[in-house]
């Protein structure tokens, strides 16, 4: 079973580098950043009667890109970089 899983993993040309939380944690983190940004914009405008709309969902390609970007801002593989250019 282990050998089979290793063979499948070798075929993965664009591995992701996410923490244990996976895509769910990434999406929550990005949504929190969006909310903070909107709150700062409202605070800077100075209006007190402004209604803050819920943030739009994070686009799938944005999550895909972030999941395959290392902390050094490099992609995990050349294949991932080629796919990103097509997006």
PDB file of N, CA and C in Angstrom:
ATOM      1  N   UNK A   1       0.815  -1.174   0.000  1.00  0.00           N
ATOM      2  CA  UNK A   1       0.000   0.000   0.000  1.00  0.00           C
ATOM      3  C   UNK A   1       0.875   1.260   0.000  1.00  0.00           C
ATOM      4  N   UNK A   2       1.947   1.227   0.778  1.00  0.00           N
ATOM      5  CA  UNK A   2       2.847   2.375   0.861  1.00  0.00           C
ATOM      6  C   UNK A   2       3.505   2.652  -0.481  1.00  0.00           C
ATOM      7  N   UNK A   3       3.952   1.602  -1.149  1.00  0.00           N
ATOM      8  CA  UNK A   3       4.598   1.754  -2.462  1.00  0.00           C
ATOM      9  C   UNK A   3       3.633   2.345  -3.477  1.00  0.00           C
ATOM     10  N   UNK A   4       2.379   1.929  -3.409  1.00  0.00           N
ATOM     11  CA  UNK A   4       1.375   2.453  -4.325  1.00  0.00           C
ATOM     12  C   UNK A   4       1.177   3.955  -4.087  1.00  0.00           C
ATOM     13  N   UNK A   5       1.103   4.361  -2.823  1.00  0.00           N
ATOM     14  CA  UNK A   5       0.933   5.776  -2.486  1.00  0.00           C
ATOM     15  C   UNK A   5       2.149   6.588  -2.915  1.00  0.00           C
ATOM     16  N   UNK A   6       3.343   6.019  -2.767  1.00  0.00           N
ATOM     17  CA  UNK A   6       4.555   6.714  -3.193  1.00  0.00           C
ATOM     18  C   UNK A   6       4.575   6.899  -4.710  1.00  0.00           C
ATOM     19  N   UNK A   7       4.122   5.891  -5.446  1.00  0.00           N
ATOM     20  CA  UNK A   7       4.076   5.996  -6.904  1.00  0.00           C
ATOM     21  C   UNK A   7       3.095   7.083  -7.343  1.00  0.00           C
ATOM     22  N   UNK A   8       1.971   7.168  -6.659  1.00  0.00           N
ATOM     23  CA  UNK A   8       0.986   8.204  -6.977  1.00  0.00           C
ATOM     24  C   UNK A   8       1.562   9.583  -6.670  1.00  0.00           C
ATOM     25  N   UNK A   9       2.268   9.711  -5.543  1.00  0.00           N
ATOM     26  CA  UNK A   9       2.838  10.997  -5.150  1.00  0.00           C
ATOM     27  C   UNK A   9       3.907  11.457  -6.125  1.00  0.00           C
ATOM     28  N   UNK A  10       4.659  10.532  -6.713  1.00  0.00           N
ATOM     29  CA  UNK A  10       5.686  10.896  -7.693  1.00  0.00           C
ATOM     30  C   UNK A  10       5.071  11.546  -8.925  1.00  0.00           C
ATOM     31  N   UNK A  11       3.830  11.228  -9.228  1.00  0.00           N
ATOM     32  CA  UNK A  11       3.167  11.794 -10.398  1.00  0.00           C
ATOM     33  C   UNK A  11       2.650  13.205 -10.136  1.00  0.00           C
ATOM     34  N   UNK A  12       2.628  13.632  -8.903  1.00  0.00           N
ATOM     35  CA  UNK A  12       2.156  14.966  -8.557  1.00  0.00           C
ATOM     36  C   UNK A  12       3.218  15.986  -8.963  1.00  0.00           C
ATOM     37  N   UNK A  13       2.944  16.755 -10.014  1.00  0.00           N
ATOM     38  CA  UNK A  13       3.924  17.711 -10.525  1.00  0.00           C
ATOM     39  C   UNK A  13       3.802  19.077  -9.869  1.00  0.00           C
ATOM     40  N   UNK A  14       2.724  19.334  -9.158  1.00  0.00           N
ATOM     41  CA  UNK A  14       2.521  20.633  -8.511  1.00  0.00           C
ATOM     42  C   UNK A  14       2.081  20.436  -7.065  1.00  0.00           C
ATOM     43  N   UNK A  15       3.010  20.042  -6.183  1.00  0.00           N
ATOM     44  CA  UNK A  15       2.625  19.795  -4.789  1.00  0.00           C
ATOM     45  C   UNK A  15       2.268  21.091  -4.069  1.00  0.00           C
ATOM     46  N   UNK A  16       1.416  20.960  -3.051  1.00  0.00           N
ATOM     47  CA  UNK A  16       1.017  22.129  -2.279  1.00  0.00           C
ATOM     48  C   UNK A  16       1.767  22.141  -0.953  1.00  0.00           C
ATOM     49  N   UNK A  17       1.918  23.319  -0.397  1.00  0.00           N
ATOM     50  CA  UNK A  17       2.612  23.461   0.885  1.00  0.00           C
ATOM     51  C   UNK A  17       1.700  24.212   1.847  1.00  0.00           C
ATOM     52  N   UNK A  18       0.749  23.500   2.410  1.00  0.00           N
ATOM     53  CA  UNK A  18      -0.189  24.079   3.373  1.00  0.00           C
ATOM     54  C   UNK A  18       0.053  23.465   4.738  1.00  0.00           C
ATOM     55  N   UNK A  19      -0.402  24.154   5.748  1.00  0.00           N
ATOM     56  CA  UNK A  19      -0.281  23.631   7.103  1.00  0.00           C
ATOM     57  C   UNK A  19      -1.322  22.532   7.320  1.00  0.00           C
ATOM     58  N   UNK A  20      -1.452  22.080   8.539  1.00  0.00           N
ATOM     59  CA  UNK A  20      -2.394  21.006   8.847  1.00  0.00           C
ATOM     60  C   UNK A  20      -3.841  21.387   8.561  1.00  0.00           C
ATOM     61  N   UNK A  21      -4.133  22.669   8.574  1.00  0.00           N
ATOM     62  CA  UNK A  21      -5.496  23.129   8.354  1.00  0.00           C
ATOM     63  C   UNK A  21      -5.956  22.992   6.911  1.00  0.00           C
ATOM     64  N   UNK A  22      -5.032  22.914   5.987  1.00  0.00           N
ATOM     65  CA  UNK A  22      -5.374  22.747   4.589  1.00  0.00           C
ATOM     66  C   UNK A  22      -6.046  23.975   3.987  1.00  0.00           C
ATOM     67  N   UNK A  23      -6.857  23.726   2.977  1.00  0.00           N
ATOM     68  CA  UNK A  23      -7.527  24.809   2.263  1.00  0.00           C
ATOM     69  C   UNK A  23      -8.532  25.548   3.149  1.00  0.00           C
ATOM     70  N   UNK A  24      -9.152  24.844   4.064  1.00  0.00           N
ATOM     71  CA  UNK A  24     -10.139  25.480   4.945  1.00  0.00           C
ATOM     72  C   UNK A  24      -9.474  26.558   5.800  1.00  0.00           C
ATOM     73  N   UNK A  25      -8.336  26.240   6.384  1.00  0.00           N
ATOM     74  CA  UNK A  25      -7.601  27.212   7.194  1.00  0.00           C
ATOM     75  C   UNK A  25      -7.140  28.378   6.328  1.00  0.00           C
ATOM     76  N   UNK A  26      -6.645  28.084   5.130  1.00  0.00           N
ATOM     77  CA  UNK A  26      -6.183  29.125   4.219  1.00  0.00           C
ATOM     78  C   UNK A  26      -7.316  30.079   3.864  1.00  0.00           C
ATOM     79  N   UNK A  27      -8.482  29.525   3.550  1.00  0.00           N
ATOM     80  CA  UNK A  27      -9.622  30.361   3.186  1.00  0.00           C
ATOM     81  C   UNK A  27     -10.070  31.236   4.360  1.00  0.00           C
ATOM     82  N   UNK A  28     -10.118  30.668   5.555  1.00  0.00           N
ATOM     83  CA  UNK A  28     -10.497  31.452   6.733  1.00  0.00           C
ATOM     84  C   UNK A  28      -9.506  32.590   6.974  1.00  0.00           C
ATOM     85  N   UNK A  29      -8.235  32.299   6.803  1.00  0.00           N
ATOM     86  CA  UNK A  29      -7.193  33.305   6.994  1.00  0.00           C
ATOM     87  C   UNK A  29      -7.345  34.442   5.979  1.00  0.00           C
ATOM     88  N   UNK A  30      -7.582  34.106   4.716  1.00  0.00           N
ATOM     89  CA  UNK A  30      -7.745  35.120   3.680  1.00  0.00           C
ATOM     90  C   UNK A  30      -9.009  35.946   3.890  1.00  0.00           C
ATOM     91  N   UNK A  31     -10.089  35.309   4.329  1.00  0.00           N
ATOM     92  CA  UNK A  31     -11.331  36.038   4.595  1.00  0.00           C
ATOM     93  C   UNK A  31     -11.151  37.013   5.765  1.00  0.00           C
ATOM     94  N   UNK A  32     -10.423  36.588   6.796  1.00  0.00           N
ATOM     95  CA  UNK A  32     -10.156  37.474   7.928  1.00  0.00           C
ATOM     96  C   UNK A  32      -9.358  38.700   7.479  1.00  0.00           C
ATOM     97  N   UNK A  33      -8.376  38.483   6.605  1.00  0.00           N
ATOM     98  CA  UNK A  33      -7.584  39.599   6.086  1.00  0.00           C
ATOM     99  C   UNK A  33      -8.455  40.565   5.284  1.00  0.00           C
ATOM    100  N   UNK A  34      -9.393  40.014   4.494  1.00  0.00           N
ATOM    101  CA  UNK A  34     -10.302  40.857   3.720  1.00  0.00           C
ATOM    102  C   UNK A  34     -11.187  41.703   4.638  1.00  0.00           C
ATOM    103  N   UNK A  35     -11.706  41.081   5.699  1.00  0.00           N
ATOM    104  CA  UNK A  35     -12.561  41.804   6.636  1.00  0.00           C
ATOM    105  C   UNK A  35     -11.804  42.930   7.326  1.00  0.00           C
ATOM    106  N   UNK A  36     -10.567  42.641   7.754  1.00  0.00           N
ATOM    107  CA  UNK A  36      -9.754  43.662   8.412  1.00  0.00           C
ATOM    108  C   UNK A  36      -9.499  44.839   7.471  1.00  0.00           C
ATOM    109  N   UNK A  37      -9.218  44.522   6.207  1.00  0.00           N
ATOM    110  CA  UNK A  37      -8.950  45.569   5.221  1.00  0.00           C
ATOM    111  C   UNK A  37     -10.185  46.455   5.036  1.00  0.00           C
ATOM    112  N   UNK A  38     -11.368  45.837   4.952  1.00  0.00           N
ATOM    113  CA  UNK A  38     -12.602  46.613   4.807  1.00  0.00           C
ATOM    114  C   UNK A  38     -12.865  47.474   6.036  1.00  0.00           C
ATOM    115  N   UNK A  39     -12.620  46.930   7.227  1.00  0.00           N
ATOM    116  CA  UNK A  39     -12.822  47.700   8.453  1.00  0.00           C
ATOM    117  C   UNK A  39     -11.884  48.904   8.507  1.00  0.00           C
ATOM    118  N   UNK A  40     -10.636  48.714   8.060  1.00  0.00           N
ATOM    119  CA  UNK A  40      -9.686  49.828   8.034  1.00  0.00           C
ATOM    120  C   UNK A  40     -10.143  50.902   7.054  1.00  0.00           C
ATOM    121  N   UNK A  41     -10.665  50.473   5.894  1.00  0.00           N
ATOM    122  CA  UNK A  41     -11.141  51.435   4.905  1.00  0.00           C
ATOM    123  C   UNK A  41     -12.308  52.245   5.462  1.00  0.00           C
ATOM    124  N   UNK A  42     -13.211  51.582   6.174  1.00  0.00           N
ATOM    125  CA  UNK A  42     -14.355  52.276   6.773  1.00  0.00           C
ATOM    126  C   UNK A  42     -13.871  53.240   7.849  1.00  0.00           C
ATOM    127  N   UNK A  43     -12.900  52.813   8.647  1.00  0.00           N
ATOM    128  CA  UNK A  43     -12.384  53.665   9.714  1.00  0.00           C
ATOM    129  C   UNK A  43     -11.697  54.905   9.138  1.00  0.00           C
ATOM    130  N   UNK A  44     -11.004  54.742   8.031  1.00  0.00           N
ATOM    131  CA  UNK A  44     -10.321  55.873   7.409  1.00  0.00           C
ATOM    132  C   UNK A  44     -11.300  56.841   6.767  1.00  0.00           C
ATOM    133  N   UNK A  45     -12.407  56.334   6.253  1.00  0.00           N
ATOM    134  CA  UNK A  45     -13.386  57.213   5.618  1.00  0.00           C
ATOM    135  C   UNK A  45     -14.096  58.083   6.651  1.00  0.00           C
ATOM    136  N   UNK A  46     -14.184  57.599   7.881  1.00  0.00           N
ATOM    137  CA  UNK A  46     -14.754  58.397   8.954  1.00  0.00           C
ATOM    138  C   UNK A  46     -16.268  58.338   9.058  1.00  0.00           C
ATOM    139  N   UNK A  47     -16.935  57.647   8.161  1.00  0.00           N
ATOM    140  CA  UNK A  47     -18.396  57.572   8.240  1.00  0.00           C
ATOM    141  C   UNK A  47     -18.807  56.507   9.250  1.00  0.00           C
ATOM    142  N   UNK A  48     -19.786  56.841  10.076  1.00  0.00           N
ATOM    143  CA  UNK A  48     -20.217  55.921  11.128  1.00  0.00           C
ATOM    144  C   UNK A  48     -21.430  55.102  10.726  1.00  0.00           C
ATOM    145  N   UNK A  49     -22.140  55.503   9.667  1.00  0.00           N
ATOM    146  CA  UNK A  49     -23.352  54.788   9.269  1.00  0.00           C
ATOM    147  C   UNK A  49     -23.125  53.869   8.075  1.00  0.00           C
ATOM    148  N   UNK A  50     -21.902  53.517   7.804  1.00  0.00           N
ATOM    149  CA  UNK A  50     -21.584  52.639   6.695  1.00  0.00           C
ATOM    150  C   UNK A  50     -21.818  51.181   7.088  1.00  0.00           C
ATOM    151  N   UNK A  51     -22.492  50.452   6.225  1.00  0.00           N
ATOM    152  CA  UNK A  51     -22.743  49.028   6.461  1.00  0.00           C
ATOM    153  C   UNK A  51     -21.637  48.238   5.778  1.00  0.00           C
ATOM    154  N   UNK A  52     -21.033  47.314   6.523  1.00  0.00           N
ATOM    155  CA  UNK A  52     -19.958  46.498   5.959  1.00  0.00           C
ATOM    156  C   UNK A  52     -20.578  45.248   5.369  1.00  0.00           C
ATOM    157  N   UNK A  53     -20.466  45.110   4.053  1.00  0.00           N
ATOM    158  CA  UNK A  53     -20.986  43.934   3.361  1.00  0.00           C
ATOM    159  C   UNK A  53     -20.086  42.743   3.637  1.00  0.00           C
ATOM    160  N   UNK A  54     -20.662  41.557   3.642  1.00  0.00           N
ATOM    161  CA  UNK A  54     -19.804  40.379   3.800  1.00  0.00           C
ATOM    162  C   UNK A  54     -18.869  40.250   2.593  1.00  0.00           C
ATOM    163  N   UNK A  55     -17.685  39.803   2.857  1.00  0.00           N
ATOM    164  CA  UNK A  55     -16.688  39.682   1.799  1.00  0.00           C
ATOM    165  C   UNK A  55     -17.100  38.637   0.778  1.00  0.00           C
ATOM    166  N   UNK A  56     -16.721  38.882  -0.460  1.00  0.00           N
ATOM    167  CA  UNK A  56     -16.966  37.889  -1.500  1.00  0.00           C
ATOM    168  C   UNK A  56     -16.023  36.711  -1.280  1.00  0.00           C
ATOM    169  N   UNK A  57     -16.401  35.526  -1.754  1.00  0.00           N
ATOM    170  CA  UNK A  57     -15.546  34.357  -1.538  1.00  0.00           C
ATOM    171  C   UNK A  57     -14.202  34.504  -2.264  1.00  0.00           C
ATOM    172  N   UNK A  58     -13.210  33.838  -1.727  1.00  0.00           N
ATOM    173  CA  UNK A  58     -11.871  33.858  -2.320  1.00  0.00           C
ATOM    174  C   UNK A  58     -11.901  33.016  -3.587  1.00  0.00           C
ATOM    175  N   UNK A  59     -11.327  33.539  -4.651  1.00  0.00           N
ATOM    176  CA  UNK A  59     -11.316  32.802  -5.917  1.00  0.00           C
ATOM    177  C   UNK A  59     -10.450  31.553  -5.816  1.00  0.00           C
ATOM    178  N   UNK A  60     -10.867  30.544  -6.529  1.00  0.00           N
ATOM    179  CA  UNK A  60     -10.186  29.257  -6.476  1.00  0.00           C
ATOM    180  C   UNK A  60      -8.740  29.361  -6.949  1.00  0.00           C
ATOM    181  N   UNK A  61      -8.498  30.134  -7.996  1.00  0.00           N
ATOM    182  CA  UNK A  61      -7.131  30.242  -8.529  1.00  0.00           C
ATOM    183  C   UNK A  61      -6.207  30.952  -7.553  1.00  0.00           C
ATOM    184  N   UNK A  62      -6.746  31.872  -6.757  1.00  0.00           N
ATOM    185  CA  UNK A  62      -5.934  32.561  -5.758  1.00  0.00           C
ATOM    186  C   UNK A  62      -5.504  31.577  -4.675  1.00  0.00           C
ATOM    187  N   UNK A  63      -6.446  30.749  -4.227  1.00  0.00           N
ATOM    188  CA  UNK A  63      -6.112  29.740  -3.215  1.00  0.00           C
ATOM    189  C   UNK A  63      -5.100  28.741  -3.764  1.00  0.00           C
ATOM    190  N   UNK A  64      -5.267  28.342  -5.030  1.00  0.00           N
ATOM    191  CA  UNK A  64      -4.351  27.386  -5.658  1.00  0.00           C
ATOM    192  C   UNK A  64      -2.945  27.973  -5.701  1.00  0.00           C
ATOM    193  N   UNK A  65      -2.842  29.230  -6.083  1.00  0.00           N
ATOM    194  CA  UNK A  65      -1.537  29.890  -6.182  1.00  0.00           C
ATOM    195  C   UNK A  65      -0.859  29.970  -4.822  1.00  0.00           C
ATOM    196  N   UNK A  66      -1.592  30.401  -3.813  1.00  0.00           N
ATOM    197  CA  UNK A  66      -1.017  30.547  -2.474  1.00  0.00           C
ATOM    198  C   UNK A  66      -0.599  29.191  -1.907  1.00  0.00           C
ATOM    199  N   UNK A  67      -1.382  28.151  -2.196  1.00  0.00           N
ATOM    200  CA  UNK A  67      -1.080  26.813  -1.679  1.00  0.00           C
ATOM    201  C   UNK A  67       0.203  26.242  -2.268  1.00  0.00           C
ATOM    202  N   UNK A  68       0.626  26.738  -3.403  1.00  0.00           N
ATOM    203  CA  UNK A  68       1.824  26.226  -4.054  1.00  0.00           C
ATOM    204  C   UNK A  68       2.981  27.214  -4.056  1.00  0.00           C
ATOM    205  N   UNK A  69       2.882  28.250  -3.240  1.00  0.00           N
ATOM    206  CA  UNK A  69       3.949  29.230  -3.109  1.00  0.00           C
ATOM    207  C   UNK A  69       4.656  29.015  -1.777  1.00  0.00           C
ATOM    208  N   UNK A  70       5.973  28.896  -1.832  1.00  0.00           N
ATOM    209  CA  UNK A  70       6.762  28.707  -0.618  1.00  0.00           C
ATOM    210  C   UNK A  70       6.904  30.035   0.115  1.00  0.00           C
ATOM    211  N   UNK A  71       7.436  29.987   1.313  1.00  0.00           N
ATOM    212  CA  UNK A  71       7.655  31.206   2.088  1.00  0.00           C
ATOM    213  C   UNK A  71       8.657  32.129   1.401  1.00  0.00           C
ATOM    214  N   UNK A  72       9.517  31.577   0.572  1.00  0.00           N
ATOM    215  CA  UNK A  72      10.510  32.367  -0.156  1.00  0.00           C
ATOM    216  C   UNK A  72       9.917  32.993  -1.416  1.00  0.00           C
ATOM    217  N   UNK A  73       8.599  32.863  -1.586  1.00  0.00           N
ATOM    218  CA  UNK A  73       7.842  33.396  -2.730  1.00  0.00           C
ATOM    219  C   UNK A  73       8.188  32.706  -4.050  1.00  0.00           C
ATOM    220  N   UNK A  74       8.696  31.488  -3.963  1.00  0.00           N
ATOM    221  CA  UNK A  74       8.946  30.678  -5.145  1.00  0.00           C
ATOM    222  C   UNK A  74       7.864  29.616  -5.232  1.00  0.00           C
ATOM    223  N   UNK A  75       7.551  29.199  -6.455  1.00  0.00           N
ATOM    224  CA  UNK A  75       6.584  28.125  -6.640  1.00  0.00           C
ATOM    225  C   UNK A  75       7.230  26.791  -6.268  1.00  0.00           C
ATOM    226  N   UNK A  76       6.416  25.808  -5.943  1.00  0.00           N
ATOM    227  CA  UNK A  76       6.940  24.518  -5.497  1.00  0.00           C
ATOM    228  C   UNK A  76       7.607  23.739  -6.619  1.00  0.00           C
ATOM    229  N   UNK A  77       7.207  24.001  -7.871  1.00  0.00           N
ATOM    230  CA  UNK A  77       7.826  23.296  -8.992  1.00  0.00           C
ATOM    231  C   UNK A  77       7.674  24.118 -10.264  1.00  0.00           C
ATOM    232  N   UNK A  78       8.411  23.728 -11.286  1.00  0.00           N
ATOM    233  CA  UNK A  78       8.305  24.408 -12.575  1.00  0.00           C
ATOM    234  C   UNK A  78       6.936  24.155 -13.204  1.00  0.00           C
ATOM    235  N   UNK A  79       6.405  22.976 -12.997  1.00  0.00           N
ATOM    236  CA  UNK A  79       5.087  22.645 -13.539  1.00  0.00           C
ATOM    237  C   UNK A  79       4.018  23.562 -12.938  1.00  0.00           C
ATOM    238  N   UNK A  80       4.116  23.830 -11.659  1.00  0.00           N
ATOM    239  CA  UNK A  80       3.158  24.727 -10.999  1.00  0.00           C
ATOM    240  C   UNK A  80       3.284  26.142 -11.557  1.00  0.00           C
ATOM    241  N   UNK A  81       4.510  26.552 -11.840  1.00  0.00           N
ATOM    242  CA  UNK A  81       4.733  27.881 -12.403  1.00  0.00           C
ATOM    243  C   UNK A  81       4.127  27.987 -13.804  1.00  0.00           C
ATOM    244  N   UNK A  82       4.270  26.939 -14.611  1.00  0.00           N
ATOM    245  CA  UNK A  82       3.694  26.938 -15.950  1.00  0.00           C
ATOM    246  C   UNK A  82       2.169  26.987 -15.883  1.00  0.00           C
ATOM    247  N   UNK A  83       1.596  26.201 -14.979  1.00  0.00           N
ATOM    248  CA  UNK A  83       0.135  26.202 -14.825  1.00  0.00           C
ATOM    249  C   UNK A  83      -0.365  27.562 -14.365  1.00  0.00           C
ATOM    250  N   UNK A  84       0.389  28.205 -13.490  1.00  0.00           N
ATOM    251  CA  UNK A  84      -0.004  29.513 -12.992  1.00  0.00           C
ATOM    252  C   UNK A  84      -0.017  30.551 -14.122  1.00  0.00           C
ATOM    253  N   UNK A  85       0.940  30.465 -15.004  1.00  0.00           N
ATOM    254  CA  UNK A  85       0.953  31.408 -16.147  1.00  0.00           C
ATOM    255  C   UNK A  85      -0.274  31.249 -17.015  1.00  0.00           C
ATOM    256  N   UNK A  86      -0.793  30.036 -17.104  1.00  0.00           N
ATOM    257  CA  UNK A  86      -1.997  29.796 -17.928  1.00  0.00           C
ATOM    258  C   UNK A  86      -3.248  30.342 -17.252  1.00  0.00           C
ATOM    259  N   UNK A  87      -3.241  30.430 -15.926  1.00  0.00           N
ATOM    260  CA  UNK A  87      -4.418  30.921 -15.209  1.00  0.00           C
ATOM    261  C   UNK A  87      -4.477  32.382 -15.419  1.00  0.00           C
TER     262      UNK A  87
END
